[in-house]
PDB file of N, CA and C in Angstrom:
ATOM      1  N   MET A   1      63.102 129.141 125.660  1.00  0.00           N
ATOM      2  CA  MET A   1      63.476 129.152 124.261  1.00  0.00           C
ATOM      3  C   MET A   1      62.784 130.340 123.591  1.00  0.00           C
ATOM      4  N   THR A   2      63.532 131.134 122.877  1.00  0.00           N
ATOM      5  CA  THR A   2      62.951 132.267 122.177  1.00  0.00           C
ATOM      6  C   THR A   2      62.305 131.803 120.876  1.00  0.00           C
ATOM      7  N   ASP A   3      61.397 132.628 120.343  1.00  0.00           N
ATOM      8  CA  ASP A   3      60.668 132.246 119.137  1.00  0.00           C
ATOM      9  C   ASP A   3      61.584 131.984 117.942  1.00  0.00           C
ATOM     10  N   HIS A   4      62.668 132.746 117.809  1.00  0.00           N
ATOM     11  CA  HIS A   4      63.544 132.553 116.646  1.00  0.00           C
ATOM     12  C   HIS A   4      64.321 131.236 116.730  1.00  0.00           C
ATOM     13  N   GLN A   5      64.404 130.635 117.920  1.00  0.00           N
ATOM     14  CA  GLN A   5      65.093 129.351 118.069  1.00  0.00           C
ATOM     15  C   GLN A   5      64.125 128.168 118.040  1.00  0.00           C
ATOM     16  N   LYS A   6      62.832 128.453 117.991  1.00  0.00           N
ATOM     17  CA  LYS A   6      61.821 127.409 117.984  1.00  0.00           C
ATOM     18  C   LYS A   6      62.032 126.486 116.773  1.00  0.00           C
ATOM     19  N   PRO A   7      62.016 125.166 116.990  1.00  0.00           N
ATOM     20  CA  PRO A   7      62.206 124.260 115.849  1.00  0.00           C
ATOM     21  C   PRO A   7      61.002 124.279 114.917  1.00  0.00           C
ATOM     22  N   GLU A   8      61.284 124.239 113.638  1.00  0.00           N
ATOM     23  CA  GLU A   8      60.257 124.209 112.595  1.00  0.00           C
ATOM     24  C   GLU A   8      60.531 123.032 111.682  1.00  0.00           C
ATOM     25  N   VAL A   9      59.472 122.404 111.189  1.00  0.00           N
ATOM     26  CA  VAL A   9      59.625 121.312 110.227  1.00  0.00           C
ATOM     27  C   VAL A   9      59.879 121.923 108.854  1.00  0.00           C
ATOM     28  N   LEU A  10      61.037 121.621 108.303  1.00  0.00           N
ATOM     29  CA  LEU A  10      61.374 122.084 106.953  1.00  0.00           C
ATOM     30  C   LEU A  10      60.700 121.195 105.918  1.00  0.00           C
ATOM     31  N   THR A  11      60.816 119.887 106.123  1.00  0.00           N
ATOM     32  CA  THR A  11      60.240 118.932 105.189  1.00  0.00           C
ATOM     33  C   THR A  11      60.109 117.584 105.868  1.00  0.00           C
ATOM     34  N   SER A  12      59.315 116.721 105.289  1.00  0.00           N
ATOM     35  CA  SER A  12      59.197 115.335 105.734  1.00  0.00           C
ATOM     36  C   SER A  12      59.592 114.440 104.572  1.00  0.00           C
ATOM     37  N   VAL A  13      60.402 113.440 104.864  1.00  0.00           N
ATOM     38  CA  VAL A  13      60.896 112.529 103.828  1.00  0.00           C
ATOM     39  C   VAL A  13      60.652 111.088 104.252  1.00  0.00           C
ATOM     40  N   ALA A  14      60.876 110.164 103.336  1.00  0.00           N
ATOM     41  CA  ALA A  14      60.535 108.758 103.566  1.00  0.00           C
ATOM     42  C   ALA A  14      61.468 108.039 104.535  1.00  0.00           C
ATOM     43  N   ASP A  15      62.748 108.430 104.583  1.00  0.00           N
ATOM     44  CA  ASP A  15      63.673 107.682 105.432  1.00  0.00           C
ATOM     45  C   ASP A  15      64.810 108.566 105.930  1.00  0.00           C
ATOM     46  N   ASP A  16      65.567 108.011 106.863  1.00  0.00           N
ATOM     47  CA  ASP A  16      66.640 108.793 107.472  1.00  0.00           C
ATOM     48  C   ASP A  16      67.823 109.025 106.532  1.00  0.00           C
ATOM     49  N   VAL A  17      67.965 108.215 105.499  1.00  0.00           N
ATOM     50  CA  VAL A  17      69.046 108.434 104.532  1.00  0.00           C
ATOM     51  C   VAL A  17      68.780 109.717 103.748  1.00  0.00           C
ATOM     52  N   GLU A  18      67.556 109.878 103.274  1.00  0.00           N
ATOM     53  CA  GLU A  18      67.201 111.101 102.548  1.00  0.00           C
ATOM     54  C   GLU A  18      67.313 112.318 103.468  1.00  0.00           C
ATOM     55  N   ALA A  19      66.897 112.159 104.716  1.00  0.00           N
ATOM     56  CA  ALA A  19      67.013 113.249 105.682  1.00  0.00           C
ATOM     57  C   ALA A  19      68.478 113.626 105.889  1.00  0.00           C
ATOM     58  N   ALA A  20      69.360 112.646 105.954  1.00  0.00           N
ATOM     59  CA  ALA A  20      70.788 112.909 106.161  1.00  0.00           C
ATOM     60  C   ALA A  20      71.383 113.710 105.005  1.00  0.00           C
ATOM     61  N   VAL A  21      70.945 113.434 103.794  1.00  0.00           N
ATOM     62  CA  VAL A  21      71.432 114.178 102.626  1.00  0.00           C
ATOM     63  C   VAL A  21      71.005 115.644 102.734  1.00  0.00           C
ATOM     64  N   ILE A  22      69.754 115.864 103.107  1.00  0.00           N
ATOM     65  CA  ILE A  22      69.246 117.231 103.252  1.00  0.00           C
ATOM     66  C   ILE A  22      69.981 117.952 104.380  1.00  0.00           C
ATOM     67  N   ILE A  23      70.158 117.281 105.503  1.00  0.00           N
ATOM     68  CA  ILE A  23      70.853 117.888 106.641  1.00  0.00           C
ATOM     69  C   ILE A  23      72.289 118.257 106.260  1.00  0.00           C
ATOM     70  N   ALA A  24      72.972 117.399 105.532  1.00  0.00           N
ATOM     71  CA  ALA A  24      74.337 117.705 105.095  1.00  0.00           C
ATOM     72  C   ALA A  24      74.364 118.935 104.198  1.00  0.00           C
ATOM     73  N   ALA A  25      73.392 119.048 103.299  1.00  0.00           N
ATOM     74  CA  ALA A  25      73.334 120.225 102.420  1.00  0.00           C
ATOM     75  C   ALA A  25      73.070 121.493 103.229  1.00  0.00           C
ATOM     76  N   LEU A  26      72.181 121.396 104.212  1.00  0.00           N
ATOM     77  CA  LEU A  26      71.899 122.551 105.061  1.00  0.00           C
ATOM     78  C   LEU A  26      73.121 122.946 105.875  1.00  0.00           C
ATOM     79  N   GLU A  27      73.786 121.964 106.453  1.00  0.00           N
ATOM     80  CA  GLU A  27      74.958 122.260 107.277  1.00  0.00           C
ATOM     81  C   GLU A  27      76.103 122.836 106.457  1.00  0.00           C
ATOM     82  N   SER A  28      76.171 122.487 105.166  1.00  0.00           N
ATOM     83  CA  SER A  28      77.199 123.086 104.307  1.00  0.00           C
ATOM     84  C   SER A  28      76.948 124.580 104.110  1.00  0.00           C
ATOM     85  N   GLN A  29      75.727 125.024 104.410  1.00  0.00           N
ATOM     86  CA  GLN A  29      75.369 126.443 104.334  1.00  0.00           C
ATOM     87  C   GLN A  29      75.250 127.067 105.728  1.00  0.00           C
ATOM     88  N   ASN A  30      75.835 126.392 106.719  1.00  0.00           N
ATOM     89  CA  ASN A  30      75.846 126.856 108.109  1.00  0.00           C
ATOM     90  C   ASN A  30      74.449 126.965 108.727  1.00  0.00           C
ATOM     91  N   ILE A  31      73.563 126.053 108.317  1.00  0.00           N
ATOM     92  CA  ILE A  31      72.230 125.967 108.901  1.00  0.00           C
ATOM     93  C   ILE A  31      72.188 124.694 109.730  1.00  0.00           C
ATOM     94  N   LYS A  32      71.971 124.845 111.032  1.00  0.00           N
ATOM     95  CA  LYS A  32      71.874 123.673 111.894  1.00  0.00           C
ATOM     96  C   LYS A  32      70.536 122.988 111.652  1.00  0.00           C
ATOM     97  N   ALA A  33      70.581 121.671 111.529  1.00  0.00           N
ATOM     98  CA  ALA A  33      69.365 120.901 111.272  1.00  0.00           C
ATOM     99  C   ALA A  33      69.467 119.558 111.974  1.00  0.00           C
ATOM    100  N   THR A  34      68.329 118.955 112.205  1.00  0.00           N
ATOM    101  CA  THR A  34      68.268 117.636 112.811  1.00  0.00           C
ATOM    102  C   THR A  34      67.071 116.898 112.229  1.00  0.00           C
ATOM    103  N   ALA A  35      67.041 115.596 112.464  1.00  0.00           N
ATOM    104  CA  ALA A  35      65.928 114.776 111.975  1.00  0.00           C
ATOM    105  C   ALA A  35      65.259 114.083 113.139  1.00  0.00           C
ATOM    106  N   THR A  36      63.976 113.868 113.011  1.00  0.00           N
ATOM    107  CA  THR A  36      63.228 113.122 114.007  1.00  0.00           C
ATOM    108  C   THR A  36      62.269 112.174 113.298  1.00  0.00           C
ATOM    109  N   GLY A  37      62.098 111.001 113.883  1.00  0.00           N
ATOM    110  CA  GLY A  37      61.191 110.021 113.295  1.00  0.00           C
ATOM    111  C   GLY A  37      61.892 108.892 112.577  1.00  0.00           C
ATOM    112  N   GLY A  38      63.207 108.876 112.587  1.00  0.00           N
ATOM    113  CA  GLY A  38      63.961 107.859 111.864  1.00  0.00           C
ATOM    114  C   GLY A  38      63.709 106.449 112.345  1.00  0.00           C
ATOM    115  N   PHE A  39      63.439 106.291 113.637  1.00  0.00           N
ATOM    116  CA  PHE A  39      63.221 104.949 114.164  1.00  0.00           C
ATOM    117  C   PHE A  39      61.920 104.346 113.671  1.00  0.00           C
ATOM    118  N   THR A  40      60.920 105.175 113.431  1.00  0.00           N
ATOM    119  CA  THR A  40      59.623 104.639 112.998  1.00  0.00           C
ATOM    120  C   THR A  40      59.440 104.661 111.492  1.00  0.00           C
ATOM    121  N   ALA A  41      60.285 105.363 110.765  1.00  0.00           N
ATOM    122  CA  ALA A  41      60.112 105.482 109.319  1.00  0.00           C
ATOM    123  C   ALA A  41      60.267 104.150 108.619  1.00  0.00           C
ATOM    124  N   GLY A  42      61.069 103.252 109.162  1.00  0.00           N
ATOM    125  CA  GLY A  42      61.312 101.970 108.514  1.00  0.00           C
ATOM    126  C   GLY A  42      60.285 100.904 108.818  1.00  0.00           C
ATOM    127  N   PHE A  43      59.341 101.199 109.709  1.00  0.00           N
ATOM    128  CA  PHE A  43      58.324 100.206 110.022  1.00  0.00           C
ATOM    129  C   PHE A  43      57.475  99.917 108.792  1.00  0.00           C
ATOM    130  N   ARG A  44      57.156  98.664 108.613  1.00  0.00           N
ATOM    131  CA  ARG A  44      56.312  98.260 107.497  1.00  0.00           C
ATOM    132  C   ARG A  44      54.880  98.104 108.005  1.00  0.00           C
ATOM    133  N   THR A  45      54.123  99.163 107.911  1.00  0.00           N
ATOM    134  CA  THR A  45      52.751  99.146 108.375  1.00  0.00           C
ATOM    135  C   THR A  45      51.851  99.676 107.279  1.00  0.00           C
ATOM    136  N   GLU A  46      50.580  99.681 107.554  1.00  0.00           N
ATOM    137  CA  GLU A  46      49.625 100.204 106.579  1.00  0.00           C
ATOM    138  C   GLU A  46      49.872 101.695 106.317  1.00  0.00           C
ATOM    139  N   THR A  47      50.287 102.397 107.342  1.00  0.00           N
ATOM    140  CA  THR A  47      50.574 103.817 107.203  1.00  0.00           C
ATOM    141  C   THR A  47      52.090 104.008 107.240  1.00  0.00           C
ATOM    142  N   PRO A  48      52.680 104.454 106.129  1.00  0.00           N
ATOM    143  CA  PRO A  48      54.138 104.612 106.117  1.00  0.00           C
ATOM    144  C   PRO A  48      54.587 105.715 107.072  1.00  0.00           C
ATOM    145  N   GLY A  49      55.770 105.518 107.638  1.00  0.00           N
ATOM    146  CA  GLY A  49      56.334 106.523 108.527  1.00  0.00           C
ATOM    147  C   GLY A  49      57.015 107.614 107.724  1.00  0.00           C
ATOM    148  N   HIS A  50      57.535 108.576 108.424  1.00  0.00           N
ATOM    149  CA  HIS A  50      58.281 109.642 107.761  1.00  0.00           C
ATOM    150  C   HIS A  50      59.296 110.217 108.743  1.00  0.00           C
ATOM    151  N   VAL A  51      60.250 110.902 108.196  1.00  0.00           N
ATOM    152  CA  VAL A  51      61.286 111.557 108.977  1.00  0.00           C
ATOM    153  C   VAL A  51      61.147 113.056 108.742  1.00  0.00           C
ATOM    154  N   ASP A  52      61.030 113.822 109.820  1.00  0.00           N
ATOM    155  CA  ASP A  52      60.960 115.277 109.717  1.00  0.00           C
ATOM    156  C   ASP A  52      62.357 115.865 109.832  1.00  0.00           C
ATOM    157  N   VAL A  53      62.656 116.814 108.962  1.00  0.00           N
ATOM    158  CA  VAL A  53      63.897 117.579 109.053  1.00  0.00           C
ATOM    159  C   VAL A  53      63.540 118.902 109.711  1.00  0.00           C
ATOM    160  N   LEU A  54      64.182 119.175 110.842  1.00  0.00           N
ATOM    161  CA  LEU A  54      63.891 120.364 111.634  1.00  0.00           C
ATOM    162  C   LEU A  54      65.019 121.379 111.560  1.00  0.00           C
ATOM    163  N   VAL A  55      64.643 122.642 111.499  1.00  0.00           N
ATOM    164  CA  VAL A  55      65.602 123.749 111.553  1.00  0.00           C
ATOM    165  C   VAL A  55      65.054 124.796 112.524  1.00  0.00           C
ATOM    166  N   ARG A  56      65.907 125.712 112.943  1.00  0.00           N
ATOM    167  CA  ARG A  56      65.445 126.809 113.799  1.00  0.00           C
ATOM    168  C   ARG A  56      64.547 127.741 112.988  1.00  0.00           C
ATOM    169  N   HIS A  57      63.567 128.327 113.654  1.00  0.00           N
ATOM    170  CA  HIS A  57      62.634 129.247 112.999  1.00  0.00           C
ATOM    171  C   HIS A  57      63.381 130.347 112.242  1.00  0.00           C
ATOM    172  N   GLU A  58      64.435 130.867 112.846  1.00  0.00           N
ATOM    173  CA  GLU A  58      65.179 131.955 112.211  1.00  0.00           C
ATOM    174  C   GLU A  58      65.889 131.518 110.927  1.00  0.00           C
ATOM    175  N   ASP A  59      66.105 130.218 110.754  1.00  0.00           N
ATOM    176  CA  ASP A  59      66.785 129.703 109.560  1.00  0.00           C
ATOM    177  C   ASP A  59      65.818 129.130 108.522  1.00  0.00           C
ATOM    178  N   LEU A  60      64.527 129.166 108.809  1.00  0.00           N
ATOM    179  CA  LEU A  60      63.558 128.467 107.969  1.00  0.00           C
ATOM    180  C   LEU A  60      63.563 128.950 106.523  1.00  0.00           C
ATOM    181  N   GLU A  61      63.529 130.230 106.288  1.00  0.00           N
ATOM    182  CA  GLU A  61      63.486 130.741 104.908  1.00  0.00           C
ATOM    183  C   GLU A  61      64.749 130.377 104.127  1.00  0.00           C
ATOM    184  N   GLN A  62      65.906 130.525 104.756  1.00  0.00           N
ATOM    185  CA  GLN A  62      67.156 130.158 104.081  1.00  0.00           C
ATOM    186  C   GLN A  62      67.190 128.648 103.828  1.00  0.00           C
ATOM    187  N   ALA A  63      66.703 127.871 104.786  1.00  0.00           N
ATOM    188  CA  ALA A  63      66.667 126.417 104.622  1.00  0.00           C
ATOM    189  C   ALA A  63      65.739 126.022 103.482  1.00  0.00           C
ATOM    190  N   ARG A  64      64.619 126.707 103.346  1.00  0.00           N
ATOM    191  CA  ARG A  64      63.701 126.429 102.222  1.00  0.00           C
ATOM    192  C   ARG A  64      64.377 126.695 100.888  1.00  0.00           C
ATOM    193  N   ALA A  65      65.172 127.749 100.827  1.00  0.00           N
ATOM    194  CA  ALA A  65      65.890 128.065  99.589  1.00  0.00           C
ATOM    195  C   ALA A  65      66.923 126.986  99.270  1.00  0.00           C
ATOM    196  N   VAL A  66      67.642 126.516 100.273  1.00  0.00           N
ATOM    197  CA  VAL A  66      68.629 125.441 100.068  1.00  0.00           C
ATOM    198  C   VAL A  66      67.921 124.172  99.610  1.00  0.00           C
ATOM    199  N   LEU A  67      66.806 123.833 100.257  1.00  0.00           N
ATOM    200  CA  LEU A  67      66.053 122.635  99.885  1.00  0.00           C
ATOM    201  C   LEU A  67      65.557 122.726  98.446  1.00  0.00           C
ATOM    202  N   ALA A  68      65.032 123.866  98.048  1.00  0.00           N
ATOM    203  CA  ALA A  68      64.559 124.044  96.675  1.00  0.00           C
ATOM    204  C   ALA A  68      65.697 123.865  95.678  1.00  0.00           C
ATOM    205  N   GLU A  69      66.870 124.365  96.043  1.00  0.00           N
ATOM    206  CA  GLU A  69      68.038 124.243  95.151  1.00  0.00           C
ATOM    207  C   GLU A  69      68.456 122.781  94.979  1.00  0.00           C
ATOM    208  N   ILE A  70      68.499 122.033  96.065  1.00  0.00           N
ATOM    209  CA  ILE A  70      68.952 120.636  95.935  1.00  0.00           C
ATOM    210  C   ILE A  70      67.882 119.750  95.320  1.00  0.00           C
ATOM    211  N   GLU A  71      66.622 120.117  95.447  1.00  0.00           N
ATOM    212  CA  GLU A  71      65.557 119.326  94.828  1.00  0.00           C
ATOM    213  C   GLU A  71      65.559 119.449  93.311  1.00  0.00           C
ATOM    214  N   HIS A  72      66.056 120.571  92.797  1.00  0.00           N
ATOM    215  CA  HIS A  72      66.049 120.799  91.361  1.00  0.00           C
ATOM    216  C   HIS A  72      67.416 120.615  90.709  1.00  0.00           C
ATOM    217  N   LYS A  73      68.387 120.226  91.510  1.00  0.00           N
ATOM    218  CA  LYS A  73      69.739 120.045  90.997  1.00  0.00           C
ATOM    219  C   LYS A  73      69.885 118.611  90.477  1.00  0.00           C
ATOM    220  N   PRO A  74      70.255 118.435  89.220  1.00  0.00           N
ATOM    221  CA  PRO A  74      70.425 117.076  88.713  1.00  0.00           C
ATOM    222  C   PRO A  74      71.640 116.382  89.347  1.00  0.00           C
ATOM    223  N   VAL A  75      71.558 115.087  89.442  1.00  0.00           N
ATOM    224  CA  VAL A  75      72.658 114.299  89.997  1.00  0.00           C
ATOM    225  C   VAL A  75      73.702 114.063  88.910  1.00  0.00           C
ATOM    226  N   ASP A  76      74.954 114.350  89.210  1.00  0.00           N
ATOM    227  CA  ASP A  76      76.051 114.063  88.292  1.00  0.00           C
ATOM    228  C   ASP A  76      76.537 112.658  88.613  1.00  0.00           C
ATOM    229  N   TRP A  77      75.993 111.674  87.913  1.00  0.00           N
ATOM    230  CA  TRP A  77      76.283 110.273  88.214  1.00  0.00           C
ATOM    231  C   TRP A  77      77.739 109.908  87.973  1.00  0.00           C
ATOM    232  N   SER A  78      78.479 110.720  87.217  1.00  0.00           N
ATOM    233  CA  SER A  78      79.894 110.429  87.011  1.00  0.00           C
ATOM    234  C   SER A  78      80.692 110.643  88.298  1.00  0.00           C
ATOM    235  N   LYS A  79      80.107 111.352  89.271  1.00  0.00           N
ATOM    236  CA  LYS A  79      80.792 111.615  90.531  1.00  0.00           C
ATOM    237  C   LYS A  79      80.237 110.785  91.685  1.00  0.00           C
ATOM    238  N   VAL A  80      79.299 109.895  91.386  1.00  0.00           N
ATOM    239  CA  VAL A  80      78.686 109.074  92.421  1.00  0.00           C
ATOM    240  C   VAL A  80      79.308 107.688  92.396  1.00  0.00           C
ATOM    241  N   ASP A  81      79.788 107.240  93.543  1.00  0.00           N
ATOM    242  CA  ASP A  81      80.342 105.893  93.653  1.00  0.00           C
ATOM    243  C   ASP A  81      79.212 104.921  93.902  1.00  0.00           C
ATOM    244  N   VAL A  82      78.853 104.164  92.881  1.00  0.00           N
ATOM    245  CA  VAL A  82      77.763 103.199  93.008  1.00  0.00           C
ATOM    246  C   VAL A  82      78.281 101.788  93.301  1.00  0.00           C
ATOM    247  N   GLY A  83      79.577 101.677  93.496  1.00  0.00           N
ATOM    248  CA  GLY A  83      80.163 100.373  93.820  1.00  0.00           C
ATOM    249  C   GLY A  83      80.432  99.542  92.582  1.00  0.00           C
ATOM    250  N   GLU A  84      80.848  98.326  92.827  1.00  0.00           N
ATOM    251  CA  GLU A  84      81.152  97.399  91.744  1.00  0.00           C
ATOM    252  C   GLU A  84      79.950  96.507  91.438  1.00  0.00           C
ATOM    253  N   PRO A  85      79.777  96.087  90.197  1.00  0.00           N
ATOM    254  CA  PRO A  85      78.674  95.194  89.878  1.00  0.00           C
ATOM    255  C   PRO A  85      78.841  93.856  90.610  1.00  0.00           C
ATOM    256  N   GLU A  86      77.725  93.292  91.025  1.00  0.00           N
ATOM    257  CA  GLU A  86      77.765  92.005  91.702  1.00  0.00           C
ATOM    258  C   GLU A  86      77.874  90.895  90.665  1.00  0.00           C
ATOM    259  N   ASP A  87      78.624  89.842  91.009  1.00  0.00           N
ATOM    260  CA  ASP A  87      78.713  88.679  90.143  1.00  0.00           C
ATOM    261  C   ASP A  87      77.398  87.925  90.196  1.00  0.00           C
ATOM    262  N   GLU A  88      76.951  87.464  89.069  1.00  0.00           N
ATOM    263  CA  GLU A  88      75.704  86.705  89.057  1.00  0.00           C
ATOM    264  C   GLU A  88      75.953  85.222  89.095  1.00  0.00           C
TER     265      GLU A  88
END
């Protein structure tokens, strides 16, 4: 494996759902990404788990820019399907 293909941790998040959102945003910019740690992130222990989002070393700077953009982008809740209210 060459150095530019070496995997780098872009960020660590609390669960695999958050990681999936980040990975989808990266892939929309043609940056290949993957997550590791999803199986242990949900464990309920004294020390919380985490999920690492990995990208290739050569994509790290561009991935950081994408991550910064999505972290500061407000959610347009009018476009989010939150489902129907539950009957009480």
